[in-house]
């Protein structure tokens, strides 16, 4: 699955951040961890956050993995559409018995003629 940053053009450099939630009891006065709590604790609501986040290695934006995947899919589809829409253009075109050259090739061709005939 291709990824792309939703903020910049980056499609290659990312940080994959895997999160492993641990339920704990903290001391209300000091904030220190008193003990680890069982996920079966009736007073504890199950963790609902994402398990994987992505961070762009270029601009630093951090989002849910699905945001980067969705942007990558859109970018991939746009890139594919651009490649399909552009026709193949030959360097030369033959029309009947005449051969047409693009403007850049014509200037190259002129310099070759000038060299041949020393103009």
PDB file of N, CA and C in Angstrom:
ATOM      1  N   UNK A   1       0.852  -1.172   0.000  1.00  0.00           N
ATOM      2  CA  UNK A   1       0.000   0.000   0.000  1.00  0.00           C
ATOM      3  C   UNK A   1       0.899   1.238   0.000  1.00  0.00           C
ATOM      4  N   UNK A   2       0.727   2.141  -0.958  1.00  0.00           N
ATOM      5  CA  UNK A   2       1.558   3.346  -1.004  1.00  0.00           C
ATOM      6  C   UNK A   2       1.138   4.349   0.072  1.00  0.00           C
ATOM      7  N   UNK A   3       2.116   5.041   0.630  1.00  0.00           N
ATOM      8  CA  UNK A   3       1.870   6.110   1.591  1.00  0.00           C
ATOM      9  C   UNK A   3       2.306   7.432   0.973  1.00  0.00           C
ATOM     10  N   UNK A   4       1.672   8.518   1.395  1.00  0.00           N
ATOM     11  CA  UNK A   4       2.086   9.866   1.014  1.00  0.00           C
ATOM     12  C   UNK A   4       1.722  10.797   2.156  1.00  0.00           C
ATOM     13  N   UNK A   5       2.568  11.775   2.383  1.00  0.00           N
ATOM     14  CA  UNK A   5       2.302  12.744   3.444  1.00  0.00           C
ATOM     15  C   UNK A   5       1.138  13.646   3.018  1.00  0.00           C
ATOM     16  N   UNK A   6       0.170  13.882   3.917  1.00  0.00           N
ATOM     17  CA  UNK A   6      -0.942  14.769   3.569  1.00  0.00           C
ATOM     18  C   UNK A   6      -0.542  16.245   3.567  1.00  0.00           C
ATOM     19  N   UNK A   7       0.677  16.546   4.061  1.00  0.00           N
ATOM     20  CA  UNK A   7       1.114  17.928   4.189  1.00  0.00           C
ATOM     21  C   UNK A   7       2.146  18.343   3.135  1.00  0.00           C
ATOM     22  N   UNK A   8       3.020  17.415   2.742  1.00  0.00           N
ATOM     23  CA  UNK A   8       4.061  17.744   1.765  1.00  0.00           C
ATOM     24  C   UNK A   8       4.089  16.653   0.693  1.00  0.00           C
ATOM     25  N   UNK A   9       5.055  16.645  -0.166  1.00  0.00           N
ATOM     26  CA  UNK A   9       5.095  15.695  -1.288  1.00  0.00           C
ATOM     27  C   UNK A   9       5.816  14.395  -0.954  1.00  0.00           C
ATOM     28  N   UNK A  10       6.236  14.212   0.277  1.00  0.00           N
ATOM     29  CA  UNK A  10       7.003  13.026   0.662  1.00  0.00           C
ATOM     30  C   UNK A  10       6.219  11.742   0.421  1.00  0.00           C
ATOM     31  N   UNK A  11       6.880  10.776  -0.224  1.00  0.00           N
ATOM     32  CA  UNK A  11       6.272   9.467  -0.454  1.00  0.00           C
ATOM     33  C   UNK A  11       7.200   8.340  -0.001  1.00  0.00           C
ATOM     34  N   UNK A  12       8.357   8.683   0.608  1.00  0.00           N
ATOM     35  CA  UNK A  12       9.334   7.645   0.920  1.00  0.00           C
ATOM     36  C   UNK A  12       9.804   7.597   2.370  1.00  0.00           C
ATOM     37  N   UNK A  13       9.938   8.703   3.055  1.00  0.00           N
ATOM     38  CA  UNK A  13      10.569   8.722   4.374  1.00  0.00           C
ATOM     39  C   UNK A  13       9.542   8.979   5.477  1.00  0.00           C
ATOM     40  N   UNK A  14       9.348   7.959   6.300  1.00  0.00           N
ATOM     41  CA  UNK A  14       8.346   8.025   7.360  1.00  0.00           C
ATOM     42  C   UNK A  14       8.862   7.352   8.626  1.00  0.00           C
ATOM     43  N   UNK A  15       8.247   7.692   9.733  1.00  0.00           N
ATOM     44  CA  UNK A  15       8.405   6.952  10.983  1.00  0.00           C
ATOM     45  C   UNK A  15       7.102   6.201  11.217  1.00  0.00           C
ATOM     46  N   UNK A  16       7.212   4.939  11.529  1.00  0.00           N
ATOM     47  CA  UNK A  16       6.040   4.145  11.899  1.00  0.00           C
ATOM     48  C   UNK A  16       6.078   4.041  13.416  1.00  0.00           C
ATOM     49  N   UNK A  17       5.050   4.552  14.078  1.00  0.00           N
ATOM     50  CA  UNK A  17       4.989   4.603  15.534  1.00  0.00           C
ATOM     51  C   UNK A  17       3.959   3.588  15.997  1.00  0.00           C
ATOM     52  N   UNK A  18       4.418   2.534  16.648  1.00  0.00           N
ATOM     53  CA  UNK A  18       3.514   1.508  17.164  1.00  0.00           C
ATOM     54  C   UNK A  18       3.273   1.780  18.645  1.00  0.00           C
ATOM     55  N   UNK A  19       2.025   1.836  19.019  1.00  0.00           N
ATOM     56  CA  UNK A  19       1.650   2.165  20.395  1.00  0.00           C
ATOM     57  C   UNK A  19       1.106   0.927  21.106  1.00  0.00           C
ATOM     58  N   UNK A  20       1.618   0.701  22.293  1.00  0.00           N
ATOM     59  CA  UNK A  20       1.156  -0.412  23.123  1.00  0.00           C
ATOM     60  C   UNK A  20       0.640   0.171  24.430  1.00  0.00           C
ATOM     61  N   UNK A  21      -0.676   0.348  24.540  1.00  0.00           N
ATOM     62  CA  UNK A  21      -1.226   0.966  25.749  1.00  0.00           C
ATOM     63  C   UNK A  21      -1.109   0.035  26.959  1.00  0.00           C
ATOM     64  N   UNK A  22      -0.744   0.633  28.080  1.00  0.00           N
ATOM     65  CA  UNK A  22      -0.652  -0.102  29.345  1.00  0.00           C
ATOM     66  C   UNK A  22      -1.486   0.659  30.368  1.00  0.00           C
ATOM     67  N   UNK A  23      -2.439  -0.030  30.977  1.00  0.00           N
ATOM     68  CA  UNK A  23      -3.290   0.599  31.989  1.00  0.00           C
ATOM     69  C   UNK A  23      -2.524   0.657  33.307  1.00  0.00           C
ATOM     70  N   UNK A  24      -2.492   1.820  33.929  1.00  0.00           N
ATOM     71  CA  UNK A  24      -1.753   2.006  35.187  1.00  0.00           C
ATOM     72  C   UNK A  24      -2.570   2.849  36.156  1.00  0.00           C
ATOM     73  N   UNK A  25      -2.232   2.722  37.444  1.00  0.00           N
ATOM     74  CA  UNK A  25      -2.757   3.610  38.480  1.00  0.00           C
ATOM     75  C   UNK A  25      -1.637   4.567  38.842  1.00  0.00           C
ATOM     76  N   UNK A  26      -1.973   5.867  38.881  1.00  0.00           N
ATOM     77  CA  UNK A  26      -0.990   6.885  39.230  1.00  0.00           C
ATOM     78  C   UNK A  26      -1.321   7.490  40.582  1.00  0.00           C
ATOM     79  N   UNK A  27      -0.300   7.858  41.318  1.00  0.00           N
ATOM     80  CA  UNK A  27      -0.481   8.553  42.588  1.00  0.00           C
ATOM     81  C   UNK A  27      -1.014   9.943  42.267  1.00  0.00           C
ATOM     82  N   UNK A  28      -2.158  10.336  42.833  1.00  0.00           N
ATOM     83  CA  UNK A  28      -2.750  11.644  42.490  1.00  0.00           C
ATOM     84  C   UNK A  28      -1.895  12.838  42.930  1.00  0.00           C
ATOM     85  N   UNK A  29      -1.053  12.669  43.926  1.00  0.00           N
ATOM     86  CA  UNK A  29      -0.228  13.765  44.422  1.00  0.00           C
ATOM     87  C   UNK A  29       1.052  13.942  43.594  1.00  0.00           C
ATOM     88  N   UNK A  30       1.741  12.841  43.332  1.00  0.00           N
ATOM     89  CA  UNK A  30       3.048  12.918  42.684  1.00  0.00           C
ATOM     90  C   UNK A  30       3.011  12.582  41.193  1.00  0.00           C
ATOM     91  N   UNK A  31       1.994  11.848  40.758  1.00  0.00           N
ATOM     92  CA  UNK A  31       1.926  11.424  39.370  1.00  0.00           C
ATOM     93  C   UNK A  31       2.754  10.184  39.079  1.00  0.00           C
ATOM     94  N   UNK A  32       3.366   9.620  40.124  1.00  0.00           N
ATOM     95  CA  UNK A  32       4.165   8.413  39.937  1.00  0.00           C
ATOM     96  C   UNK A  32       3.262   7.204  39.731  1.00  0.00           C
ATOM     97  N   UNK A  33       3.774   6.240  38.980  1.00  0.00           N
ATOM     98  CA  UNK A  33       3.015   5.030  38.729  1.00  0.00           C
ATOM     99  C   UNK A  33       3.021   4.164  39.981  1.00  0.00           C
ATOM    100  N   UNK A  34       1.817   3.818  40.446  1.00  0.00           N
ATOM    101  CA  UNK A  34       1.694   2.990  41.638  1.00  0.00           C
ATOM    102  C   UNK A  34       1.652   1.514  41.258  1.00  0.00           C
ATOM    103  N   UNK A  35       0.875   1.182  40.244  1.00  0.00           N
ATOM    104  CA  UNK A  35       0.775  -0.208  39.818  1.00  0.00           C
ATOM    105  C   UNK A  35       0.180  -0.279  38.419  1.00  0.00           C
ATOM    106  N   UNK A  36       0.400  -1.429  37.789  1.00  0.00           N
ATOM    107  CA  UNK A  36      -0.205  -1.707  36.492  1.00  0.00           C
ATOM    108  C   UNK A  36      -1.573  -2.331  36.758  1.00  0.00           C
ATOM    109  N   UNK A  37      -2.583  -1.904  35.999  1.00  0.00           N
ATOM    110  CA  UNK A  37      -3.954  -2.351  36.206  1.00  0.00           C
ATOM    111  C   UNK A  37      -4.314  -3.368  35.130  1.00  0.00           C
ATOM    112  N   UNK A  38      -5.077  -4.358  35.498  1.00  0.00           N
ATOM    113  CA  UNK A  38      -5.538  -5.367  34.547  1.00  0.00           C
ATOM    114  C   UNK A  38      -6.538  -4.741  33.582  1.00  0.00           C
ATOM    115  N   UNK A  39      -6.467  -5.113  32.293  1.00  0.00           N
ATOM    116  CA  UNK A  39      -7.436  -4.588  31.336  1.00  0.00           C
ATOM    117  C   UNK A  39      -8.873  -5.031  31.657  1.00  0.00           C
ATOM    118  N   UNK A  40      -9.015  -6.023  32.524  1.00  0.00           N
ATOM    119  CA  UNK A  40     -10.347  -6.507  32.915  1.00  0.00           C
ATOM    120  C   UNK A  40     -10.954  -5.697  34.059  1.00  0.00           C
ATOM    121  N   UNK A  41     -10.249  -4.701  34.578  1.00  0.00           N
ATOM    122  CA  UNK A  41     -10.732  -3.863  35.674  1.00  0.00           C
ATOM    123  C   UNK A  41     -12.071  -3.251  35.267  1.00  0.00           C
ATOM    124  N   UNK A  42     -13.138  -3.417  36.067  1.00  0.00           N
ATOM    125  CA  UNK A  42     -14.469  -2.895  35.697  1.00  0.00           C
ATOM    126  C   UNK A  42     -14.534  -1.366  35.625  1.00  0.00           C
ATOM    127  N   UNK A  43     -13.624  -0.668  36.284  1.00  0.00           N
ATOM    128  CA  UNK A  43     -13.631   0.799  36.238  1.00  0.00           C
ATOM    129  C   UNK A  43     -12.813   1.359  35.074  1.00  0.00           C
ATOM    130  N   UNK A  44     -12.224   0.473  34.307  1.00  0.00           N
ATOM    131  CA  UNK A  44     -11.338   0.899  33.233  1.00  0.00           C
ATOM    132  C   UNK A  44     -12.040   0.768  31.871  1.00  0.00           C
ATOM    133  N   UNK A  45     -12.088   1.848  31.135  1.00  0.00           N
ATOM    134  CA  UNK A  45     -12.658   1.839  29.785  1.00  0.00           C
ATOM    135  C   UNK A  45     -11.562   1.325  28.840  1.00  0.00           C
ATOM    136  N   UNK A  46     -11.888   0.433  27.906  1.00  0.00           N
ATOM    137  CA  UNK A  46     -10.877  -0.074  26.972  1.00  0.00           C
ATOM    138  C   UNK A  46     -10.278   1.055  26.125  1.00  0.00           C
ATOM    139  N   UNK A  47      -8.991   0.908  25.798  1.00  0.00           N
ATOM    140  CA  UNK A  47      -8.285   1.878  24.958  1.00  0.00           C
ATOM    141  C   UNK A  47      -8.909   1.901  23.568  1.00  0.00           C
ATOM    142  N   UNK A  48      -9.211   3.100  23.060  1.00  0.00           N
ATOM    143  CA  UNK A  48      -9.860   3.236  21.758  1.00  0.00           C
ATOM    144  C   UNK A  48      -8.987   3.955  20.727  1.00  0.00           C
ATOM    145  N   UNK A  49      -7.806   4.308  21.099  1.00  0.00           N
ATOM    146  CA  UNK A  49      -6.930   5.027  20.164  1.00  0.00           C
ATOM    147  C   UNK A  49      -6.343   4.108  19.117  1.00  0.00           C
ATOM    148  N   UNK A  50      -5.642   4.718  18.172  1.00  0.00           N
ATOM    149  CA  UNK A  50      -5.033   3.920  17.119  1.00  0.00           C
ATOM    150  C   UNK A  50      -3.763   3.239  17.636  1.00  0.00           C
ATOM    151  N   UNK A  51      -3.507   2.060  17.102  1.00  0.00           N
ATOM    152  CA  UNK A  51      -2.340   1.295  17.512  1.00  0.00           C
ATOM    153  C   UNK A  51      -1.103   1.707  16.716  1.00  0.00           C
ATOM    154  N   UNK A  52      -1.309   2.231  15.511  1.00  0.00           N
ATOM    155  CA  UNK A  52      -0.191   2.651  14.662  1.00  0.00           C
ATOM    156  C   UNK A  52      -0.428   4.080  14.194  1.00  0.00           C
ATOM    157  N   UNK A  53       0.599   4.908  14.340  1.00  0.00           N
ATOM    158  CA  UNK A  53       0.589   6.270  13.806  1.00  0.00           C
ATOM    159  C   UNK A  53       1.779   6.395  12.871  1.00  0.00           C
ATOM    160  N   UNK A  54       1.694   7.321  11.960  1.00  0.00           N
ATOM    161  CA  UNK A  54       2.795   7.582  11.037  1.00  0.00           C
ATOM    162  C   UNK A  54       3.237   9.027  11.232  1.00  0.00           C
ATOM    163  N   UNK A  55       4.546   9.238  11.094  1.00  0.00           N
ATOM    164  CA  UNK A  55       5.077  10.596  11.114  1.00  0.00           C
ATOM    165  C   UNK A  55       5.907  10.792   9.860  1.00  0.00           C
ATOM    166  N   UNK A  56       5.684  11.894   9.180  1.00  0.00           N
ATOM    167  CA  UNK A  56       6.444  12.215   7.980  1.00  0.00           C
ATOM    168  C   UNK A  56       7.884  12.510   8.384  1.00  0.00           C
ATOM    169  N   UNK A  57       8.825  11.888   7.701  1.00  0.00           N
ATOM    170  CA  UNK A  57      10.233  12.107   7.988  1.00  0.00           C
ATOM    171  C   UNK A  57      10.760  13.401   7.394  1.00  0.00           C
ATOM    172  N   UNK A  58       9.950  14.099   6.582  1.00  0.00           N
ATOM    173  CA  UNK A  58      10.383  15.336   5.950  1.00  0.00           C
ATOM    174  C   UNK A  58       9.829  16.553   6.688  1.00  0.00           C
ATOM    175  N   UNK A  59       8.503  16.613   6.859  1.00  0.00           N
ATOM    176  CA  UNK A  59       7.900  17.801   7.493  1.00  0.00           C
ATOM    177  C   UNK A  59       7.538  17.575   8.959  1.00  0.00           C
ATOM    178  N   UNK A  60       7.463  16.311   9.413  1.00  0.00           N
ATOM    179  CA  UNK A  60       7.232  16.020  10.825  1.00  0.00           C
ATOM    180  C   UNK A  60       5.794  15.854  11.248  1.00  0.00           C
ATOM    181  N   UNK A  61       4.838  16.000  10.341  1.00  0.00           N
ATOM    182  CA  UNK A  61       3.437  15.858  10.730  1.00  0.00           C
ATOM    183  C   UNK A  61       3.172  14.402  11.140  1.00  0.00           C
ATOM    184  N   UNK A  62       2.431  14.211  12.232  1.00  0.00           N
ATOM    185  CA  UNK A  62       2.090  12.870  12.714  1.00  0.00           C
ATOM    186  C   UNK A  62       0.575  12.706  12.697  1.00  0.00           C
ATOM    187  N   UNK A  63       0.123  11.644  12.063  1.00  0.00           N
ATOM    188  CA  UNK A  63      -1.310  11.379  11.926  1.00  0.00           C
ATOM    189  C   UNK A  63      -1.560   9.884  12.017  1.00  0.00           C
ATOM    190  N   UNK A  64      -2.841   9.529  12.031  1.00  0.00           N
ATOM    191  CA  UNK A  64      -3.242   8.135  11.974  1.00  0.00           C
ATOM    192  C   UNK A  64      -2.724   7.531  10.664  1.00  0.00           C
ATOM    193  N   UNK A  65      -2.367   6.258  10.689  1.00  0.00           N
ATOM    194  CA  UNK A  65      -1.828   5.593   9.503  1.00  0.00           C
ATOM    195  C   UNK A  65      -2.778   5.684   8.314  1.00  0.00           C
ATOM    196  N   UNK A  66      -4.076   5.631   8.561  1.00  0.00           N
ATOM    197  CA  UNK A  66      -5.050   5.654   7.465  1.00  0.00           C
ATOM    198  C   UNK A  66      -5.005   6.968   6.686  1.00  0.00           C
ATOM    199  N   UNK A  67      -4.636   8.071   7.320  1.00  0.00           N
ATOM    200  CA  UNK A  67      -4.541   9.366   6.633  1.00  0.00           C
ATOM    201  C   UNK A  67      -3.432   9.311   5.584  1.00  0.00           C
ATOM    202  N   UNK A  68      -2.279   8.740   5.964  1.00  0.00           N
ATOM    203  CA  UNK A  68      -1.152   8.626   5.038  1.00  0.00           C
ATOM    204  C   UNK A  68      -1.475   7.633   3.916  1.00  0.00           C
ATOM    205  N   UNK A  69      -2.179   6.541   4.255  1.00  0.00           N
ATOM    206  CA  UNK A  69      -2.538   5.541   3.255  1.00  0.00           C
ATOM    207  C   UNK A  69      -3.539   6.115   2.251  1.00  0.00           C
ATOM    208  N   UNK A  70      -4.518   6.859   2.735  1.00  0.00           N
ATOM    209  CA  UNK A  70      -5.522   7.449   1.850  1.00  0.00           C
ATOM    210  C   UNK A  70      -4.871   8.453   0.898  1.00  0.00           C
ATOM    211  N   UNK A  71      -3.984   9.284   1.424  1.00  0.00           N
ATOM    212  CA  UNK A  71      -3.288  10.271   0.587  1.00  0.00           C
ATOM    213  C   UNK A  71      -2.391   9.566  -0.435  1.00  0.00           C
ATOM    214  N   UNK A  72      -1.769   8.470  -0.029  1.00  0.00           N
ATOM    215  CA  UNK A  72      -0.932   7.701  -0.942  1.00  0.00           C
ATOM    216  C   UNK A  72      -1.737   7.104  -2.071  1.00  0.00           C
ATOM    217  N   UNK A  73      -2.926   6.638  -1.758  1.00  0.00           N
ATOM    218  CA  UNK A  73      -3.798   6.061  -2.787  1.00  0.00           C
ATOM    219  C   UNK A  73      -4.255   7.145  -3.766  1.00  0.00           C
ATOM    220  N   UNK A  74      -4.627   8.319  -3.243  1.00  0.00           N
ATOM    221  CA  UNK A  74      -5.050   9.427  -4.112  1.00  0.00           C
ATOM    222  C   UNK A  74      -3.907   9.856  -5.018  1.00  0.00           C
ATOM    223  N   UNK A  75      -2.716   9.988  -4.459  1.00  0.00           N
ATOM    224  CA  UNK A  75      -1.550  10.412  -5.229  1.00  0.00           C
ATOM    225  C   UNK A  75      -1.203   9.379  -6.285  1.00  0.00           C
ATOM    226  N   UNK A  76      -1.304   8.108  -5.921  1.00  0.00           N
ATOM    227  CA  UNK A  76      -1.013   7.033  -6.860  1.00  0.00           C
ATOM    228  C   UNK A  76      -2.000   7.046  -8.024  1.00  0.00           C
ATOM    229  N   UNK A  77      -3.282   7.282  -7.738  1.00  0.00           N
ATOM    230  CA  UNK A  77      -4.302   7.335  -8.785  1.00  0.00           C
ATOM    231  C   UNK A  77      -4.085   8.540  -9.701  1.00  0.00           C
ATOM    232  N   UNK A  78      -3.703   9.692  -9.112  1.00  0.00           N
ATOM    233  CA  UNK A  78      -3.445  10.883  -9.917  1.00  0.00           C
ATOM    234  C   UNK A  78      -2.245  10.655 -10.826  1.00  0.00           C
ATOM    235  N   UNK A  79      -1.204  10.035 -10.286  1.00  0.00           N
ATOM    236  CA  UNK A  79       0.005   9.759 -11.068  1.00  0.00           C
ATOM    237  C   UNK A  79      -0.329   8.810 -12.220  1.00  0.00           C
ATOM    238  N   UNK A  80      -1.130   7.795 -11.932  1.00  0.00           N
ATOM    239  CA  UNK A  80      -1.527   6.841 -12.974  1.00  0.00           C
ATOM    240  C   UNK A  80      -2.349   7.539 -14.058  1.00  0.00           C
ATOM    241  N   UNK A  81      -3.256   8.415 -13.648  1.00  0.00           N
ATOM    242  CA  UNK A  81      -4.103   9.132 -14.610  1.00  0.00           C
ATOM    243  C   UNK A  81      -3.256  10.028 -15.509  1.00  0.00           C
ATOM    244  N   UNK A  82      -2.234  10.669 -14.957  1.00  0.00           N
ATOM    245  CA  UNK A  82      -1.367  11.524 -15.765  1.00  0.00           C
ATOM    246  C   UNK A  82      -0.598  10.700 -16.787  1.00  0.00           C
ATOM    247  N   UNK A  83      -0.140   9.529 -16.390  1.00  0.00           N
ATOM    248  CA  UNK A  83       0.603   8.682 -17.315  1.00  0.00           C
ATOM    249  C   UNK A  83      -0.281   8.148 -18.427  1.00  0.00           C
ATOM    250  N   UNK A  84      -1.541   7.879 -18.131  1.00  0.00           N
ATOM    251  CA  UNK A  84      -2.457   7.350 -19.136  1.00  0.00           C
ATOM    252  C   UNK A  84      -2.857   8.436 -20.117  1.00  0.00           C
ATOM    253  N   UNK A  85      -3.039   9.671 -19.661  1.00  0.00           N
ATOM    254  CA  UNK A  85      -3.538  10.748 -20.503  1.00  0.00           C
ATOM    255  C   UNK A  85      -2.489  11.266 -21.484  1.00  0.00           C
ATOM    256  N   UNK A  86      -1.202  11.140 -21.151  1.00  0.00           N
ATOM    257  CA  UNK A  86      -0.176  11.691 -22.013  1.00  0.00           C
ATOM    258  C   UNK A  86       0.120  10.716 -23.152  1.00  0.00           C
ATOM    259  N   UNK A  87      -0.120  11.112 -24.395  1.00  0.00           N
ATOM    260  CA  UNK A  87       0.174  10.209 -25.511  1.00  0.00           C
ATOM    261  C   UNK A  87       1.673  10.140 -25.755  1.00  0.00           C
ATOM    262  N   UNK A  88       2.103   9.089 -26.377  1.00  0.00           N
ATOM    263  CA  UNK A  88       3.499   8.939 -26.744  1.00  0.00           C
ATOM    264  C   UNK A  88       3.778   9.877 -27.907  1.00  0.00           C
ATOM    265  N   UNK A  89       4.800  10.684 -27.789  1.00  0.00           N
ATOM    266  CA  UNK A  89       5.155  11.627 -28.842  1.00  0.00           C
ATOM    267  C   UNK A  89       6.511  11.215 -29.402  1.00  0.00           C
ATOM    268  N   UNK A  90       6.522  10.916 -30.658  1.00  0.00           N
ATOM    269  CA  UNK A  90       7.751  10.522 -31.329  1.00  0.00           C
ATOM    270  C   UNK A  90       8.605  11.756 -31.577  1.00  0.00           C
ATOM    271  N   UNK A  91       9.905  11.579 -31.733  1.00  0.00           N
ATOM    272  CA  UNK A  91      10.777  12.704 -32.043  1.00  0.00           C
ATOM    273  C   UNK A  91      10.530  13.235 -33.451  1.00  0.00           C
ATOM    274  N   UNK A  92      10.099  12.366 -34.338  1.00  0.00           N
ATOM    275  CA  UNK A  92       9.801  12.800 -35.698  1.00  0.00           C
ATOM    276  C   UNK A  92       8.424  12.301 -36.095  1.00  0.00           C
ATOM    277  N   UNK A  93       7.814  12.999 -37.029  1.00  0.00           N
ATOM    278  CA  UNK A  93       6.510  12.581 -37.537  1.00  0.00           C
ATOM    279  C   UNK A  93       6.619  12.474 -39.051  1.00  0.00           C
ATOM    280  N   UNK A  94       6.101  11.421 -39.588  1.00  0.00           N
ATOM    281  CA  UNK A  94       6.086  11.247 -41.044  1.00  0.00           C
ATOM    282  C   UNK A  94       4.710  11.599 -41.577  1.00  0.00           C
ATOM    283  N   UNK A  95       4.676  12.535 -42.493  1.00  0.00           N
ATOM    284  CA  UNK A  95       3.427  12.900 -43.156  1.00  0.00           C
ATOM    285  C   UNK A  95       3.679  12.723 -44.648  1.00  0.00           C
ATOM    286  N   UNK A  96       3.103  11.669 -45.176  1.00  0.00           N
ATOM    287  CA  UNK A  96       3.356  11.363 -46.590  1.00  0.00           C
ATOM    288  C   UNK A  96       4.829  11.051 -46.772  1.00  0.00           C
ATOM    289  N   UNK A  97       5.474  11.790 -47.671  1.00  0.00           N
ATOM    290  CA  UNK A  97       6.900  11.581 -47.927  1.00  0.00           C
ATOM    291  C   UNK A  97       7.770  12.534 -47.127  1.00  0.00           C
ATOM    292  N   UNK A  98       7.155  13.438 -46.348  1.00  0.00           N
ATOM    293  CA  UNK A  98       7.903  14.454 -45.619  1.00  0.00           C
ATOM    294  C   UNK A  98       8.080  14.059 -44.161  1.00  0.00           C
ATOM    295  N   UNK A  99       9.209  14.401 -43.616  1.00  0.00           N
ATOM    296  CA  UNK A  99       9.472  14.106 -42.211  1.00  0.00           C
ATOM    297  C   UNK A  99       9.521  15.430 -41.461  1.00  0.00           C
ATOM    298  N   UNK A 100       8.680  15.552 -40.427  1.00  0.00           N
ATOM    299  CA  UNK A 100       8.647  16.769 -39.613  1.00  0.00           C
ATOM    300  C   UNK A 100       9.426  16.537 -38.334  1.00  0.00           C
ATOM    301  N   UNK A 101      10.209  17.524 -37.940  1.00  0.00           N
ATOM    302  CA  UNK A 101      10.996  17.433 -36.716  1.00  0.00           C
ATOM    303  C   UNK A 101      10.455  18.420 -35.698  1.00  0.00           C
ATOM    304  N   UNK A 102      10.545  18.102 -34.393  1.00  0.00           N
ATOM    305  CA  UNK A 102      10.163  19.088 -33.383  1.00  0.00           C
ATOM    306  C   UNK A 102      11.153  20.250 -33.405  1.00  0.00           C
ATOM    307  N   UNK A 103      10.783  21.424 -32.851  1.00  0.00           N
ATOM    308  CA  UNK A 103      11.635  22.616 -32.928  1.00  0.00           C
ATOM    309  C   UNK A 103      13.054  22.394 -32.401  1.00  0.00           C
ATOM    310  N   UNK A 104      13.235  21.684 -31.307  1.00  0.00           N
ATOM    311  CA  UNK A 104      14.571  21.466 -30.754  1.00  0.00           C
ATOM    312  C   UNK A 104      15.424  20.659 -31.723  1.00  0.00           C
ATOM    313  N   UNK A 105      14.838  19.656 -32.321  1.00  0.00           N
ATOM    314  CA  UNK A 105      15.578  18.828 -33.273  1.00  0.00           C
ATOM    315  C   UNK A 105      15.915  19.626 -34.526  1.00  0.00           C
ATOM    316  N   UNK A 106      15.048  20.572 -34.884  1.00  0.00           N
ATOM    317  CA  UNK A 106      15.303  21.377 -36.070  1.00  0.00           C
ATOM    318  C   UNK A 106      16.537  22.232 -35.870  1.00  0.00           C
ATOM    319  N   UNK A 107      16.708  22.828 -34.689  1.00  0.00           N
ATOM    320  CA  UNK A 107      17.883  23.660 -34.443  1.00  0.00           C
ATOM    321  C   UNK A 107      19.146  22.810 -34.438  1.00  0.00           C
ATOM    322  N   UNK A 108      19.071  21.586 -33.904  1.00  0.00           N
ATOM    323  CA  UNK A 108      20.210  20.674 -33.945  1.00  0.00           C
ATOM    324  C   UNK A 108      20.532  20.311 -35.383  1.00  0.00           C
ATOM    325  N   UNK A 109      19.487  20.091 -36.167  1.00  0.00           N
ATOM    326  CA  UNK A 109      19.645  19.713 -37.569  1.00  0.00           C
ATOM    327  C   UNK A 109      20.298  20.853 -38.349  1.00  0.00           C
ATOM    328  N   UNK A 110      19.922  22.108 -38.051  1.00  0.00           N
ATOM    329  CA  UNK A 110      20.510  23.271 -38.729  1.00  0.00           C
ATOM    330  C   UNK A 110      21.998  23.371 -38.472  1.00  0.00           C
ATOM    331  N   UNK A 111      22.392  23.139 -37.211  1.00  0.00           N
ATOM    332  CA  UNK A 111      23.819  23.233 -36.893  1.00  0.00           C
ATOM    333  C   UNK A 111      24.605  22.149 -37.620  1.00  0.00           C
ATOM    334  N   UNK A 112      24.007  20.958 -37.781  1.00  0.00           N
ATOM    335  CA  UNK A 112      24.671  19.894 -38.538  1.00  0.00           C
ATOM    336  C   UNK A 112      24.816  20.278 -40.014  1.00  0.00           C
ATOM    337  N   UNK A 113      23.789  20.896 -40.586  1.00  0.00           N
ATOM    338  CA  UNK A 113      23.840  21.326 -41.990  1.00  0.00           C
ATOM    339  C   UNK A 113      24.903  22.402 -42.147  1.00  0.00           C
ATOM    340  N   UNK A 114      24.957  23.339 -41.194  1.00  0.00           N
ATOM    341  CA  UNK A 114      25.948  24.410 -41.256  1.00  0.00           C
ATOM    342  C   UNK A 114      27.358  23.846 -41.220  1.00  0.00           C
ATOM    343  N   UNK A 115      27.589  22.807 -40.427  1.00  0.00           N
ATOM    344  CA  UNK A 115      28.894  22.185 -40.349  1.00  0.00           C
ATOM    345  C   UNK A 115      29.244  21.486 -41.663  1.00  0.00           C
ATOM    346  N   UNK A 116      28.247  20.829 -42.262  1.00  0.00           N
ATOM    347  CA  UNK A 116      28.498  20.112 -43.507  1.00  0.00           C
ATOM    348  C   UNK A 116      28.859  21.060 -44.652  1.00  0.00           C
ATOM    349  N   UNK A 117      28.154  22.162 -44.727  1.00  0.00           N
ATOM    350  CA  UNK A 117      28.358  23.089 -45.836  1.00  0.00           C
ATOM    351  C   UNK A 117      29.187  24.310 -45.434  1.00  0.00           C
ATOM    352  N   UNK A 118      29.685  24.333 -44.206  1.00  0.00           N
ATOM    353  CA  UNK A 118      30.521  25.420 -43.681  1.00  0.00           C
ATOM    354  C   UNK A 118      29.877  26.784 -43.884  1.00  0.00           C
ATOM    355  N   UNK A 119      28.644  26.889 -43.390  1.00  0.00           N
ATOM    356  CA  UNK A 119      27.921  28.162 -43.520  1.00  0.00           C
ATOM    357  C   UNK A 119      28.146  29.040 -42.337  1.00  0.00           C
TER     358      UNK A 119
END
